[in-house]
Amino acid sequence: PDLKDLCGRIAEDQSQEIAQLQGYLKEWHGIDYEPRMTRADERQLDRLAPLSGPEFDVELSRMFIRHHEQIIDRSVREH
C-alpha cells in the first residue's frame, strides 16, 4: 500500500510538472509537445507486466531508482 500511494503521488506531481513545462514551451517558444513512450519505456512496462506482489514492488523500485539516478547525473553534467 505504501508503494502504491507513493506511485499515485508521483504521478500526480509529475503530471503537474509536465503541464507546467508544456506551458513554458508553448509560451516561450511556440512549441506544442506531447510526451510519448519510447521503446525503452515499453520494454520496462513489458518487464513489469508478468510480475506481482513483492516481485513487482522490488522491480518497480529498482526502475525508479535507476531513472532518478540518470536524471540527477544528466542535470549535474548539463549545469
Protein backbone atom coordinates (compact mmCIF):
# COMPACT_ATOMS: atom_id res chain seq x y z
CA PRO A 1 0.00 0.00 0.00
CA ASP A 2 2.87 2.44 0.72
CA LEU A 3 4.42 1.94 -2.71
CA LYS A 4 1.01 2.28 -4.39
CA ASP A 5 0.42 5.54 -2.51
CA LEU A 6 3.88 6.83 -3.47
CA CYS A 7 3.26 5.99 -7.13
CA GLY A 8 -0.04 7.87 -7.04
CA ARG A 9 1.63 10.95 -5.57
CA ILE A 10 4.48 10.77 -8.08
CA ALA A 11 2.03 10.51 -10.99
CA GLU A 12 0.04 13.50 -9.74
CA ASP A 13 3.12 15.65 -9.08
CA GLN A 14 4.80 14.79 -12.36
CA SER A 15 1.59 15.38 -14.32
CA GLN A 16 1.55 18.90 -12.91
CA GLU A 17 5.25 19.38 -13.75
CA ILE A 18 4.72 18.14 -17.30
CA ALA A 19 1.82 20.55 -17.78
CA GLN A 20 3.95 23.42 -16.44
CA LEU A 21 6.86 22.60 -18.75
CA GLN A 22 4.49 22.23 -21.71
CA GLY A 23 3.19 25.71 -20.88
CA TYR A 24 6.73 27.10 -20.88
CA LEU A 25 7.48 25.53 -24.26
CA LYS A 26 4.28 26.95 -25.72
CA GLU A 27 4.66 30.40 -24.18
CA TRP A 28 8.39 30.88 -24.71
CA HIS A 29 8.95 29.02 -27.98
CA GLY A 30 5.52 28.43 -29.56
CA ILE A 31 6.03 24.66 -29.36
CA ASP A 32 3.25 22.18 -28.65
CA TYR A 33 4.73 18.99 -27.23
CA GLU A 34 3.09 15.77 -26.05
CA PRO A 35 5.42 13.23 -24.42
CA ARG A 36 5.44 9.76 -25.91
CA MET A 37 6.65 6.44 -24.64
CA THR A 38 9.97 5.30 -26.02
CA ARG A 39 10.86 1.72 -26.84
CA ALA A 40 12.85 1.65 -23.61
CA ASP A 41 9.71 2.72 -21.71
CA GLU A 42 7.73 -0.03 -23.40
CA ARG A 43 10.39 -2.62 -22.53
CA GLN A 44 10.21 -1.55 -18.89
CA LEU A 45 6.44 -1.99 -18.86
CA ASP A 46 6.83 -5.37 -20.54
CA ARG A 47 9.28 -6.39 -17.81
CA LEU A 48 6.78 -5.37 -15.10
CA ALA A 49 3.69 -6.94 -16.72
CA PRO A 50 4.22 -10.55 -15.58
CA LEU A 51 5.21 -9.56 -12.04
CA SER A 52 3.01 -9.20 -8.99
CA GLY A 53 3.28 -8.75 -5.26
CA PRO A 54 6.76 -8.28 -3.81
CA GLU A 55 8.47 -9.07 -7.14
CA PHE A 56 6.60 -6.20 -8.79
CA ASP A 57 7.36 -3.84 -5.89
CA VAL A 58 11.09 -4.63 -5.96
CA GLU A 59 11.44 -4.28 -9.74
CA LEU A 60 9.41 -1.07 -9.85
CA SER A 61 11.51 0.40 -7.04
CA ARG A 62 14.71 -0.53 -8.87
CA MET A 63 13.41 1.11 -12.04
CA PHE A 64 12.50 4.31 -10.17
CA ILE A 65 15.93 4.44 -8.57
CA ARG A 66 17.76 3.95 -11.90
CA HIS A 67 15.52 6.51 -13.61
CA HIS A 68 16.13 9.16 -10.95
CA GLU A 69 19.87 8.45 -10.81
CA GLN A 70 20.05 9.02 -14.57
CA ILE A 71 18.17 12.31 -14.29
CA ILE A 72 20.44 13.52 -11.49
CA ASP A 73 23.56 12.55 -13.47
CA ARG A 74 22.32 14.36 -16.59
CA SER A 75 21.36 17.51 -14.73
CA VAL A 76 24.73 17.65 -12.96
CA ARG A 77 26.59 17.26 -16.28
CA GLU A 78 24.42 19.87 -18.02
CA HIS A 79 24.65 22.52 -15.33
